[in-house]
Amino acid sequence: MDDLSLNKSQKLVRILQQLQKRGGIPAFDLMGRFALDARTLRRYLEDLQDMGIPVVEEGYHSNRIVSLDRSYARAGVQLTLSEAISLHFGRTLFTFLDGTSFAEDMDGAIERLEPAIGRFPQEAGQHLDRKFLAVPEHGKDYGREGDLLDEIVSALLFSNPADAEYRPLKGISKLYRLESLSLAVYRQGLYLFAKDATEGKIKSFAVERFVRFSRLRREHFKYPEDWRPLEMLRDAFGIISGPPEWIVARFTADVAPYVRERRWHPTARVEPLEDGGVRLRMRVANAPELREWLLGFGAGVVVEEPAALAAWVKEQHLAAAARYT
């Protein structure tokens, strides 16, 4: 890819690569290679410094050389065969990001690490793309969301608030002032956890539903020391949390092995039944993800508690059956 056509995140990575060269690189060369003026280059270097990368500048004007502190470079890095396989396998888990700068950056990182892979028997390192693969779910398409993702990631890295417009699955779009806290991957989709500065509440947002997301790069907020994203998801049956309640469901013998084989939630307990079925108990949020999961079992499940959930599942099945009459 031409350096001039890169987006901001990609340029930041490429500039970092140039700074790692022995002896550094003249600032004028960076400006010419990436079509930057002096002020823009200064912002890129400040962004790197904000990330804890020790940028060193020596000289003035046309003689200015930019490099990294020598102590920052890592020497003697070598990957074992199992580490190389893990790296490749991990990349296949993110195929739903193909077409975005995320995917290109991951591919670039793996390519740069290839020289660090140790020597193994030739046959051991062949055909890794066919020997290890992740079969993708029905992932969301982020190919057109490159600039939006760059803004979100930059807002996360530099703790910049953002003005955003978000359109929910149902309803009209709404404007927010957001303080981005975490970017999560769930079922081949990206979700942003952010504090709604107006309401003071932390909410989750599906990234593809942002109509607009503009970070305020001159403003910063203090990242909360007590923010624990996994704590927020403790009672969730997926990505949507809420007040937990005990869910009890009885599964028939034909689907019982599937229910037994998985750990659905830390609170989940499976009880065998005399007819070969199982009873599942867990304390989770009664959210759409849970309800859709239960509906997916069709006649293979009967919800026992709570009564309101049982009535809702019954109503949905009756409505579906009515469509076939």
C-alpha atoms as a PDB file:
ATOM      1  CA  MET A   1       0.000   0.000   0.000  1.00  0.00           C
ATOM      2  CA  ASP A   2       1.241   3.504  -0.929  1.00  0.00           C
ATOM      3  CA  ASP A   3       2.339   5.451   2.184  1.00  0.00           C
ATOM      4  CA  LEU A   4       0.395   8.491   0.936  1.00  0.00           C
ATOM      5  CA  SER A   5      -2.921   6.588   0.922  1.00  0.00           C
ATOM      6  CA  LEU A   6      -2.654   5.302   4.497  1.00  0.00           C
ATOM      7  CA  ASN A   7      -5.115   6.343   7.169  1.00  0.00           C
ATOM      8  CA  LYS A   8      -4.005   7.899  10.438  1.00  0.00           C
ATOM      9  CA  SER A   9      -3.535   4.691  12.426  1.00  0.00           C
ATOM     10  CA  GLN A  10      -1.562   3.091   9.607  1.00  0.00           C
ATOM     11  CA  LYS A  11       0.672   6.146   9.248  1.00  0.00           C
ATOM     12  CA  LEU A  12       1.337   6.075  12.984  1.00  0.00           C
ATOM     13  CA  VAL A  13       2.520   2.456  12.713  1.00  0.00           C
ATOM     14  CA  ARG A  14       4.668   3.158   9.645  1.00  0.00           C
ATOM     15  CA  ILE A  15       6.249   6.217  11.285  1.00  0.00           C
ATOM     16  CA  LEU A  16       7.091   4.078  14.311  1.00  0.00           C
ATOM     17  CA  GLN A  17       8.745   1.573  11.970  1.00  0.00           C
ATOM     18  CA  GLN A  18      10.855   4.327  10.418  1.00  0.00           C
ATOM     19  CA  LEU A  19      11.945   5.604  13.823  1.00  0.00           C
ATOM     20  CA  GLN A  20      13.346   2.158  14.649  1.00  0.00           C
ATOM     21  CA  LYS A  21      15.956   2.390  11.903  1.00  0.00           C
ATOM     22  CA  ARG A  22      19.539   2.572  13.050  1.00  0.00           C
ATOM     23  CA  GLY A  23      20.448   6.228  13.395  1.00  0.00           C
ATOM     24  CA  GLY A  24      16.840   7.398  13.084  1.00  0.00           C
ATOM     25  CA  ILE A  25      15.403   9.282  10.128  1.00  0.00           C
ATOM     26  CA  PRO A  26      15.414  12.978   9.104  1.00  0.00           C
ATOM     27  CA  ALA A  27      12.185  14.756   9.949  1.00  0.00           C
ATOM     28  CA  PHE A  28      11.986  16.133   6.388  1.00  0.00           C
ATOM     29  CA  ASP A  29      12.044  12.557   5.043  1.00  0.00           C
ATOM     30  CA  LEU A  30       9.059  11.632   7.227  1.00  0.00           C
ATOM     31  CA  MET A  31       7.155  14.711   6.092  1.00  0.00           C
ATOM     32  CA  GLY A  32       7.799  13.935   2.418  1.00  0.00           C
ATOM     33  CA  ARG A  33       7.095  10.211   2.659  1.00  0.00           C
ATOM     34  CA  PHE A  34       3.754  10.613   4.437  1.00  0.00           C
ATOM     35  CA  ALA A  35       2.691  14.009   2.989  1.00  0.00           C
ATOM     36  CA  LEU A  36       2.760  15.755   6.378  1.00  0.00           C
ATOM     37  CA  ASP A  37       3.434  19.367   7.272  1.00  0.00           C
ATOM     38  CA  ALA A  38       5.561  20.230  10.303  1.00  0.00           C
ATOM     39  CA  ARG A  39       2.578  20.706  12.591  1.00  0.00           C
ATOM     40  CA  THR A  40       0.956  17.391  11.641  1.00  0.00           C
ATOM     41  CA  LEU A  41       4.231  15.508  12.091  1.00  0.00           C
ATOM     42  CA  ARG A  42       4.536  17.104  15.536  1.00  0.00           C
ATOM     43  CA  ARG A  43       1.068  15.744  16.450  1.00  0.00           C
ATOM     44  CA  TYR A  44       2.024  12.248  15.308  1.00  0.00           C
ATOM     45  CA  LEU A  45       5.187  12.313  17.407  1.00  0.00           C
ATOM     46  CA  GLU A  46       3.250  13.624  20.411  1.00  0.00           C
ATOM     47  CA  ASP A  47       0.719  10.802  19.981  1.00  0.00           C
ATOM     48  CA  LEU A  48       3.572   8.276  20.099  1.00  0.00           C
ATOM     49  CA  GLN A  49       4.979   9.928  23.220  1.00  0.00           C
ATOM     50  CA  ASP A  50       1.534   9.851  24.840  1.00  0.00           C
ATOM     51  CA  MET A  51       1.618   6.076  24.305  1.00  0.00           C
ATOM     52  CA  GLY A  52       4.848   5.846  26.300  1.00  0.00           C
ATOM     53  CA  ILE A  53       7.139   5.474  23.272  1.00  0.00           C
ATOM     54  CA  PRO A  54      10.423   7.345  23.880  1.00  0.00           C
ATOM     55  CA  VAL A  55      10.822   9.544  20.786  1.00  0.00           C
ATOM     56  CA  VAL A  56      14.187  11.313  20.572  1.00  0.00           C
ATOM     57  CA  GLU A  57      14.777  14.439  18.441  1.00  0.00           C
ATOM     58  CA  GLU A  58      18.227  15.814  17.691  1.00  0.00           C
ATOM     59  CA  GLY A  59      19.287  18.832  15.642  1.00  0.00           C
ATOM     60  CA  TYR A  60      17.246  21.686  14.229  1.00  0.00           C
ATOM     61  CA  HIS A  61      15.246  22.507  11.107  1.00  0.00           C
ATOM     62  CA  SER A  62      16.540  20.627   8.046  1.00  0.00           C
ATOM     63  CA  ASN A  63      19.074  18.749  10.181  1.00  0.00           C
ATOM     64  CA  ARG A  64      16.537  17.427  12.691  1.00  0.00           C
ATOM     65  CA  ILE A  65      16.782  13.635  13.191  1.00  0.00           C
ATOM     66  CA  VAL A  66      13.975  11.669  14.838  1.00  0.00           C
ATOM     67  CA  SER A  67      14.587   8.266  16.411  1.00  0.00           C
ATOM     68  CA  LEU A  68      13.697   6.026  19.341  1.00  0.00           C
ATOM     69  CA  ASP A  69      15.648   5.768  22.549  1.00  0.00           C
ATOM     70  CA  ARG A  70      18.063   2.866  22.141  1.00  0.00           C
ATOM     71  CA  SER A  71      16.845   1.188  25.321  1.00  0.00           C
ATOM     72  CA  TYR A  72      13.379   0.842  23.779  1.00  0.00           C
ATOM     73  CA  ALA A  73      14.391  -1.631  21.074  1.00  0.00           C
ATOM     74  CA  ARG A  74      14.100  -5.314  21.899  1.00  0.00           C
ATOM     75  CA  ALA A  75      16.906  -7.539  20.753  1.00  0.00           C
ATOM     76  CA  GLY A  76      17.142 -11.292  20.422  1.00  0.00           C
ATOM     77  CA  VAL A  77      13.397 -11.883  20.071  1.00  0.00           C
ATOM     78  CA  GLN A  78      12.606 -15.337  18.717  1.00  0.00           C
ATOM     79  CA  LEU A  79       9.327 -17.180  18.427  1.00  0.00           C
ATOM     80  CA  THR A  80       8.922 -20.903  18.935  1.00  0.00           C
ATOM     81  CA  LEU A  81       6.810 -23.025  16.586  1.00  0.00           C
ATOM     82  CA  SER A  82       3.914 -23.107  19.072  1.00  0.00           C
ATOM     83  CA  GLU A  83       4.094 -19.312  19.450  1.00  0.00           C
ATOM     84  CA  ALA A  84       4.065 -18.866  15.670  1.00  0.00           C
ATOM     85  CA  ILE A  85       1.020 -21.141  15.400  1.00  0.00           C
ATOM     86  CA  SER A  86      -0.754 -19.237  18.195  1.00  0.00           C
ATOM     87  CA  LEU A  87      -0.037 -15.943  16.439  1.00  0.00           C
ATOM     88  CA  HIS A  88      -1.406 -17.221  13.132  1.00  0.00           C
ATOM     89  CA  PHE A  89      -4.425 -18.849  14.764  1.00  0.00           C
ATOM     90  CA  GLY A  90      -5.192 -15.680  16.702  1.00  0.00           C
ATOM     91  CA  ARG A  91      -5.233 -13.699  13.458  1.00  0.00           C
ATOM     92  CA  THR A  92      -7.830 -16.043  11.934  1.00  0.00           C
ATOM     93  CA  LEU A  93     -10.217 -15.202  14.781  1.00  0.00           C
ATOM     94  CA  PHE A  94     -10.462 -11.640  13.464  1.00  0.00           C
ATOM     95  CA  THR A  95     -11.356 -12.272   9.818  1.00  0.00           C
ATOM     96  CA  PHE A  96     -14.536 -10.236  10.352  1.00  0.00           C
ATOM     97  CA  LEU A  97     -12.272  -7.159  10.458  1.00  0.00           C
ATOM     98  CA  ASP A  98     -10.882  -7.776   6.960  1.00  0.00           C
ATOM     99  CA  GLY A  99     -10.917  -4.601   4.916  1.00  0.00           C
ATOM    100  CA  THR A 100     -10.200  -2.349   7.915  1.00  0.00           C
ATOM    101  CA  SER A 101      -6.976  -0.820   9.170  1.00  0.00           C
ATOM    102  CA  PHE A 102      -7.210  -3.223  12.131  1.00  0.00           C
ATOM    103  CA  ALA A 103      -6.757  -6.223   9.840  1.00  0.00           C
ATOM    104  CA  GLU A 104      -4.008  -4.546   7.827  1.00  0.00           C
ATOM    105  CA  ASP A 105      -2.146  -3.617  11.002  1.00  0.00           C
ATOM    106  CA  MET A 106      -2.427  -7.180  12.334  1.00  0.00           C
ATOM    107  CA  ASP A 107      -1.144  -8.578   9.033  1.00  0.00           C
ATOM    108  CA  GLY A 108       1.701  -6.067   9.074  1.00  0.00           C
ATOM    109  CA  ALA A 109       2.650  -6.982  12.639  1.00  0.00           C
ATOM    110  CA  ILE A 110       2.728 -10.694  11.805  1.00  0.00           C
ATOM    111  CA  GLU A 111       4.802  -9.986   8.699  1.00  0.00           C
ATOM    112  CA  ARG A 112       7.339  -8.020  10.739  1.00  0.00           C
ATOM    113  CA  LEU A 113       7.561 -10.844  13.257  1.00  0.00           C
ATOM    114  CA  GLU A 114       8.304 -13.490  10.647  1.00  0.00           C
ATOM    115  CA  PRO A 115      12.101 -12.968  10.889  1.00  0.00           C
ATOM    116  CA  ALA A 116      11.810 -13.732  14.623  1.00  0.00           C
ATOM    117  CA  ILE A 117      10.386 -17.202  13.987  1.00  0.00           C
ATOM    118  CA  GLY A 118      12.958 -19.821  14.825  1.00  0.00           C
ATOM    119  CA  ARG A 119      13.991 -22.608  12.506  1.00  0.00           C
ATOM    120  CA  PHE A 120      11.906 -25.758  12.620  1.00  0.00           C
ATOM    121  CA  PRO A 121      11.684 -28.790  10.337  1.00  0.00           C
ATOM    122  CA  GLN A 122      10.417 -27.547   6.972  1.00  0.00           C
ATOM    123  CA  GLU A 123       7.244 -29.634   6.989  1.00  0.00           C
ATOM    124  CA  ALA A 124       6.236 -28.295  10.410  1.00  0.00           C
ATOM    125  CA  GLY A 125       5.872 -24.725   9.194  1.00  0.00           C
ATOM    126  CA  GLN A 126       4.040 -25.491   5.953  1.00  0.00           C
ATOM    127  CA  HIS A 127       0.333 -25.029   5.215  1.00  0.00           C
ATOM    128  CA  LEU A 128      -0.438 -23.363   8.547  1.00  0.00           C
ATOM    129  CA  ASP A 129      -3.347 -21.504   6.950  1.00  0.00           C
ATOM    130  CA  ARG A 130      -5.000 -24.856   6.175  1.00  0.00           C
ATOM    131  CA  LYS A 131      -3.933 -26.810   9.248  1.00  0.00           C
ATOM    132  CA  PHE A 132      -5.285 -24.233  11.716  1.00  0.00           C
ATOM    133  CA  LEU A 133      -8.391 -22.212  10.978  1.00  0.00           C
ATOM    134  CA  ALA A 134     -11.301 -20.528  12.682  1.00  0.00           C
ATOM    135  CA  VAL A 135     -14.652 -20.971  10.936  1.00  0.00           C
ATOM    136  CA  PRO A 136     -16.240 -17.513  10.998  1.00  0.00           C
ATOM    137  CA  GLU A 137     -19.675 -16.837  12.395  1.00  0.00           C
ATOM    138  CA  HIS A 138     -22.036 -14.540  10.568  1.00  0.00           C
ATOM    139  CA  GLY A 139     -19.870 -11.521  11.273  1.00  0.00           C
ATOM    140  CA  LYS A 140     -20.644  -7.866  10.818  1.00  0.00           C
ATOM    141  CA  ASP A 141     -19.052  -5.980   7.925  1.00  0.00           C
ATOM    142  CA  TYR A 142     -16.624  -3.266   9.033  1.00  0.00           C
ATOM    143  CA  GLY A 143     -14.991  -2.744   5.635  1.00  0.00           C
ATOM    144  CA  ARG A 144     -16.487   0.731   5.335  1.00  0.00           C
ATOM    145  CA  GLU A 145     -15.910   1.736   8.943  1.00  0.00           C
ATOM    146  CA  GLY A 146     -12.135   2.306   8.796  1.00  0.00           C
ATOM    147  CA  ASP A 147     -12.154   6.022   9.633  1.00  0.00           C
ATOM    148  CA  LEU A 148     -14.751   5.558  12.369  1.00  0.00           C
ATOM    149  CA  LEU A 149     -12.700   2.765  13.959  1.00  0.00           C
ATOM    150  CA  ASP A 150      -9.603   4.958  13.848  1.00  0.00           C
ATOM    151  CA  GLU A 151     -11.449   7.696  15.730  1.00  0.00           C
ATOM    152  CA  ILE A 152     -12.720   5.256  18.355  1.00  0.00           C
ATOM    153  CA  VAL A 153      -9.317   3.641  18.906  1.00  0.00           C
ATOM    154  CA  SER A 154      -7.608   7.035  19.120  1.00  0.00           C
ATOM    155  CA  ALA A 155     -10.222   8.259  21.609  1.00  0.00           C
ATOM    156  CA  LEU A 156      -9.529   5.160  23.720  1.00  0.00           C
ATOM    157  CA  LEU A 157      -5.750   5.465  23.574  1.00  0.00           C
ATOM    158  CA  PHE A 158      -5.576   9.171  24.370  1.00  0.00           C
ATOM    159  CA  SER A 159      -8.643   9.489  26.643  1.00  0.00           C
ATOM    160  CA  ASN A 160     -10.301  12.066  24.387  1.00  0.00           C
ATOM    161  CA  PRO A 161     -14.038  12.655  24.809  1.00  0.00           C
ATOM    162  CA  ALA A 162     -16.060  12.396  21.614  1.00  0.00           C
ATOM    163  CA  ASP A 163     -19.206  13.847  20.117  1.00  0.00           C
ATOM    164  CA  ALA A 164     -21.205  10.987  18.637  1.00  0.00           C
ATOM    165  CA  GLU A 165     -24.482  10.300  16.899  1.00  0.00           C
ATOM    166  CA  TYR A 166     -25.861   6.811  17.456  1.00  0.00           C
ATOM    167  CA  ARG A 167     -28.820   5.096  15.823  1.00  0.00           C
ATOM    168  CA  PRO A 168     -30.148   2.101  17.815  1.00  0.00           C
ATOM    169  CA  LEU A 169     -31.576  -0.966  16.127  1.00  0.00           C
ATOM    170  CA  LYS A 170     -35.043   0.411  16.818  1.00  0.00           C
ATOM    171  CA  GLY A 171     -35.753   4.100  17.243  1.00  0.00           C
ATOM    172  CA  ILE A 172     -34.263   7.389  16.112  1.00  0.00           C
ATOM    173  CA  SER A 173     -30.664   8.548  16.326  1.00  0.00           C
ATOM    174  CA  LYS A 174     -29.433  10.412  19.391  1.00  0.00           C
ATOM    175  CA  LEU A 175     -26.475  12.698  20.111  1.00  0.00           C
ATOM    176  CA  TYR A 176     -23.993  11.839  22.873  1.00  0.00           C
ATOM    177  CA  ARG A 177     -20.879  13.216  24.518  1.00  0.00           C
ATOM    178  CA  LEU A 178     -18.958  10.002  25.227  1.00  0.00           C
ATOM    179  CA  GLU A 179     -15.915   9.058  27.267  1.00  0.00           C
ATOM    180  CA  SER A 180     -14.684   5.805  25.680  1.00  0.00           C
ATOM    181  CA  LEU A 181     -13.583   3.130  28.145  1.00  0.00           C
ATOM    182  CA  SER A 182     -13.319  -0.274  26.415  1.00  0.00           C
ATOM    183  CA  LEU A 183     -13.661  -1.793  22.939  1.00  0.00           C
ATOM    184  CA  ALA A 184     -14.961  -5.374  23.085  1.00  0.00           C
ATOM    185  CA  VAL A 185     -15.333  -8.181  20.556  1.00  0.00           C
ATOM    186  CA  TYR A 186     -18.452 -10.337  20.853  1.00  0.00           C
ATOM    187  CA  ARG A 187     -19.765 -12.790  18.266  1.00  0.00           C
ATOM    188  CA  GLN A 188     -17.768 -11.252  15.412  1.00  0.00           C
ATOM    189  CA  GLY A 189     -18.914  -7.761  16.333  1.00  0.00           C
ATOM    190  CA  LEU A 190     -17.325  -4.726  17.970  1.00  0.00           C
ATOM    191  CA  TYR A 191     -18.901  -2.980  20.948  1.00  0.00           C
ATOM    192  CA  LEU A 192     -17.810   0.201  22.669  1.00  0.00           C
ATOM    193  CA  PHE A 193     -18.306   0.711  26.388  1.00  0.00           C
ATOM    194  CA  ALA A 194     -18.433   4.427  27.059  1.00  0.00           C
ATOM    195  CA  LYS A 195     -19.658   6.826  29.703  1.00  0.00           C
ATOM    196  CA  ASP A 196     -22.546   9.034  28.677  1.00  0.00           C
ATOM    197  CA  ALA A 197     -21.223  12.333  30.028  1.00  0.00           C
ATOM    198  CA  THR A 198     -24.727  13.839  30.181  1.00  0.00           C
ATOM    199  CA  GLU A 199     -26.333  11.051  32.211  1.00  0.00           C
ATOM    200  CA  GLY A 200     -23.165   9.876  33.966  1.00  0.00           C
ATOM    201  CA  LYS A 201     -23.940   6.240  33.043  1.00  0.00           C
ATOM    202  CA  ILE A 202     -21.751   3.662  31.285  1.00  0.00           C
ATOM    203  CA  LYS A 203     -23.468   2.214  28.226  1.00  0.00           C
ATOM    204  CA  SER A 204     -22.626  -0.239  25.442  1.00  0.00           C
ATOM    205  CA  PHE A 205     -22.773   0.734  21.764  1.00  0.00           C
ATOM    206  CA  ALA A 206     -22.599  -1.451  18.643  1.00  0.00           C
ATOM    207  CA  VAL A 207     -19.847   0.219  16.609  1.00  0.00           C
ATOM    208  CA  GLU A 208     -21.570  -0.149  13.222  1.00  0.00           C
ATOM    209  CA  ARG A 209     -24.572   1.854  14.480  1.00  0.00           C
ATOM    210  CA  PHE A 210     -22.593   5.049  15.000  1.00  0.00           C
ATOM    211  CA  VAL A 211     -23.672   7.597  12.398  1.00  0.00           C
ATOM    212  CA  ARG A 212     -20.866   9.893  13.480  1.00  0.00           C
ATOM    213  CA  PHE A 213     -18.013   9.710  15.995  1.00  0.00           C
ATOM    214  CA  SER A 214     -15.644  12.685  16.336  1.00  0.00           C
ATOM    215  CA  ARG A 215     -13.055  12.742  19.106  1.00  0.00           C
ATOM    216  CA  LEU A 216     -12.123  16.063  20.688  1.00  0.00           C
ATOM    217  CA  ARG A 217      -8.350  15.738  20.477  1.00  0.00           C
ATOM    218  CA  ARG A 218      -7.639  18.896  22.509  1.00  0.00           C
ATOM    219  CA  GLU A 219      -9.731  17.659  25.436  1.00  0.00           C
ATOM    220  CA  HIS A 220      -8.969  14.809  27.823  1.00  0.00           C
ATOM    221  CA  PHE A 221     -10.777  12.996  30.606  1.00  0.00           C
ATOM    222  CA  LYS A 222      -9.317  11.027  33.479  1.00  0.00           C
ATOM    223  CA  TYR A 223      -9.654   7.315  32.804  1.00  0.00           C
ATOM    224  CA  PRO A 224     -11.466   5.874  35.850  1.00  0.00           C
ATOM    225  CA  GLU A 225      -9.186   3.770  38.040  1.00  0.00           C
ATOM    226  CA  ASP A 226     -12.146   1.717  39.287  1.00  0.00           C
ATOM    227  CA  TRP A 227     -13.476   0.785  35.820  1.00  0.00           C
ATOM    228  CA  ARG A 228     -13.627  -3.008  35.528  1.00  0.00           C
ATOM    229  CA  PRO A 229     -15.366  -4.032  32.277  1.00  0.00           C
ATOM    230  CA  LEU A 230     -15.640  -7.694  33.228  1.00  0.00           C
ATOM    231  CA  GLU A 231     -17.409  -6.683  36.436  1.00  0.00           C
ATOM    232  CA  MET A 232     -20.010  -4.855  34.370  1.00  0.00           C
ATOM    233  CA  LEU A 233     -20.548  -8.021  32.340  1.00  0.00           C
ATOM    234  CA  ARG A 234     -20.646 -10.316  35.356  1.00  0.00           C
ATOM    235  CA  ASP A 235     -24.415 -10.804  35.182  1.00  0.00           C
ATOM    236  CA  ALA A 236     -24.698 -10.647  31.379  1.00  0.00           C
ATOM    237  CA  PHE A 237     -25.497 -13.576  29.119  1.00  0.00           C
ATOM    238  CA  GLY A 238     -23.390 -11.989  26.407  1.00  0.00           C
ATOM    239  CA  ILE A 239     -22.741  -8.267  25.961  1.00  0.00           C
ATOM    240  CA  ILE A 240     -25.934  -6.761  27.443  1.00  0.00           C
ATOM    241  CA  SER A 241     -26.122  -6.577  31.219  1.00  0.00           C
ATOM    242  CA  GLY A 242     -28.952  -5.823  33.599  1.00  0.00           C
ATOM    243  CA  PRO A 243     -30.440  -6.882  36.940  1.00  0.00           C
ATOM    244  CA  PRO A 244     -29.787 -10.608  37.427  1.00  0.00           C
ATOM    245  CA  GLU A 245     -32.459 -13.148  38.259  1.00  0.00           C
ATOM    246  CA  TRP A 246     -32.589 -16.915  38.549  1.00  0.00           C
ATOM    247  CA  ILE A 247     -33.364 -18.585  35.246  1.00  0.00           C
ATOM    248  CA  VAL A 248     -34.487 -22.236  35.359  1.00  0.00           C
ATOM    249  CA  ALA A 249     -35.033 -24.202  32.159  1.00  0.00           C
ATOM    250  CA  ARG A 250     -35.633 -27.907  31.441  1.00  0.00           C
ATOM    251  CA  PHE A 251     -34.048 -29.347  28.296  1.00  0.00           C
ATOM    252  CA  THR A 252     -35.053 -32.554  26.522  1.00  0.00           C
ATOM    253  CA  ALA A 253     -32.738 -35.547  26.156  1.00  0.00           C
ATOM    254  CA  ASP A 254     -31.875 -34.828  22.516  1.00  0.00           C
ATOM    255  CA  VAL A 255     -30.346 -31.414  23.306  1.00  0.00           C
ATOM    256  CA  ALA A 256     -29.049 -32.295  26.791  1.00  0.00           C
ATOM    257  CA  PRO A 257     -25.507 -33.216  25.583  1.00  0.00           C
ATOM    258  CA  TYR A 258     -25.140 -29.777  23.977  1.00  0.00           C
ATOM    259  CA  VAL A 259     -26.235 -28.059  27.186  1.00  0.00           C
ATOM    260  CA  ARG A 260     -23.879 -30.169  29.338  1.00  0.00           C
ATOM    261  CA  GLU A 261     -20.846 -29.615  27.121  1.00  0.00           C
ATOM    262  CA  ARG A 262     -20.671 -25.854  27.526  1.00  0.00           C
ATOM    263  CA  ARG A 263     -20.106 -23.461  30.394  1.00  0.00           C
ATOM    264  CA  TRP A 264     -22.890 -20.982  29.847  1.00  0.00           C
ATOM    265  CA  HIS A 265     -22.229 -18.696  32.822  1.00  0.00           C
ATOM    266  CA  PRO A 266     -20.169 -18.802  36.041  1.00  0.00           C
ATOM    267  CA  THR A 267     -23.396 -19.328  38.013  1.00  0.00           C
ATOM    268  CA  ALA A 268     -24.730 -22.079  35.714  1.00  0.00           C
ATOM    269  CA  ARG A 269     -25.533 -25.467  37.287  1.00  0.00           C
ATOM    270  CA  VAL A 270     -26.730 -28.480  35.271  1.00  0.00           C
ATOM    271  CA  GLU A 271     -28.868 -31.181  36.961  1.00  0.00           C
ATOM    272  CA  PRO A 272     -29.499 -34.534  35.212  1.00  0.00           C
ATOM    273  CA  LEU A 273     -33.120 -35.713  34.980  1.00  0.00           C
ATOM    274  CA  GLU A 274     -34.529 -39.251  34.943  1.00  0.00           C
ATOM    275  CA  ASP A 275     -35.788 -38.947  31.352  1.00  0.00           C
ATOM    276  CA  GLY A 276     -32.289 -38.154  30.068  1.00  0.00           C
ATOM    277  CA  GLY A 277     -32.854 -34.426  29.936  1.00  0.00           C
ATOM    278  CA  VAL A 278     -31.225 -31.775  32.109  1.00  0.00           C
ATOM    279  CA  ARG A 279     -32.319 -28.799  34.170  1.00  0.00           C
ATOM    280  CA  LEU A 280     -30.177 -25.653  33.913  1.00  0.00           C
ATOM    281  CA  ARG A 281     -30.123 -22.998  36.628  1.00  0.00           C
ATOM    282  CA  MET A 282     -28.207 -19.733  36.364  1.00  0.00           C
ATOM    283  CA  ARG A 283     -28.452 -16.196  37.683  1.00  0.00           C
ATOM    284  CA  VAL A 284     -28.167 -13.796  34.735  1.00  0.00           C
ATOM    285  CA  ALA A 285     -29.756 -10.712  33.222  1.00  0.00           C
ATOM    286  CA  ASN A 286     -33.041 -11.391  31.438  1.00  0.00           C
ATOM    287  CA  ALA A 287     -31.770  -9.678  28.286  1.00  0.00           C
ATOM    288  CA  PRO A 288     -32.519 -10.177  24.558  1.00  0.00           C
ATOM    289  CA  GLU A 289     -29.489 -12.451  24.109  1.00  0.00           C
ATOM    290  CA  LEU A 290     -30.825 -14.905  26.710  1.00  0.00           C
ATOM    291  CA  ARG A 291     -34.329 -14.893  25.245  1.00  0.00           C
ATOM    292  CA  GLU A 292     -33.065 -15.463  21.691  1.00  0.00           C
ATOM    293  CA  TRP A 293     -30.874 -18.317  22.950  1.00  0.00           C
ATOM    294  CA  LEU A 294     -33.847 -20.027  24.601  1.00  0.00           C
ATOM    295  CA  LEU A 295     -36.011 -19.616  21.490  1.00  0.00           C
ATOM    296  CA  GLY A 296     -33.281 -21.277  19.434  1.00  0.00           C
ATOM    297  CA  PHE A 297     -33.917 -24.607  21.164  1.00  0.00           C
ATOM    298  CA  GLY A 298     -37.505 -24.695  19.899  1.00  0.00           C
ATOM    299  CA  ALA A 299     -39.428 -27.589  21.443  1.00  0.00           C
ATOM    300  CA  GLY A 300     -36.254 -28.788  23.173  1.00  0.00           C
ATOM    301  CA  VAL A 301     -36.677 -26.482  26.161  1.00  0.00           C
ATOM    302  CA  VAL A 302     -39.328 -25.487  28.664  1.00  0.00           C
ATOM    303  CA  VAL A 303     -38.678 -22.397  30.793  1.00  0.00           C
ATOM    304  CA  GLU A 304     -39.733 -23.032  34.389  1.00  0.00           C
ATOM    305  CA  GLU A 305     -38.675 -19.759  36.035  1.00  0.00           C
ATOM    306  CA  PRO A 306     -39.334 -16.886  36.040  1.00  0.00           C
ATOM    307  CA  ALA A 307     -42.991 -17.061  35.086  1.00  0.00           C
ATOM    308  CA  ALA A 308     -42.874 -13.919  32.952  1.00  0.00           C
ATOM    309  CA  LEU A 309     -40.047 -15.323  30.819  1.00  0.00           C
ATOM    310  CA  ALA A 310     -41.861 -18.656  30.447  1.00  0.00           C
ATOM    311  CA  ALA A 311     -44.997 -16.830  29.262  1.00  0.00           C
ATOM    312  CA  TRP A 312     -42.971 -14.768  26.770  1.00  0.00           C
ATOM    313  CA  VAL A 313     -41.268 -17.841  25.253  1.00  0.00           C
ATOM    314  CA  LYS A 314     -44.649 -19.612  24.975  1.00  0.00           C
ATOM    315  CA  GLU A 315     -46.172 -16.568  23.277  1.00  0.00           C
ATOM    316  CA  GLN A 316     -43.335 -16.413  20.750  1.00  0.00           C
ATOM    317  CA  HIS A 317     -43.647 -20.106  19.865  1.00  0.00           C
ATOM    318  CA  LEU A 318     -47.437 -19.842  19.476  1.00  0.00           C
ATOM    319  CA  ALA A 319     -47.036 -16.807  17.223  1.00  0.00           C
ATOM    320  CA  ALA A 320     -44.455 -18.656  15.117  1.00  0.00           C
ATOM    321  CA  ALA A 321     -46.682 -21.742  14.865  1.00  0.00           C
ATOM    322  CA  ALA A 322     -49.613 -19.576  13.753  1.00  0.00           C
ATOM    323  CA  ARG A 323     -47.635 -18.471  10.709  1.00  0.00           C
ATOM    324  CA  TYR A 324     -47.645 -22.062   9.436  1.00  0.00           C
ATOM    325  CA  THR A 325     -51.423 -22.490   9.540  1.00  0.00           C
END
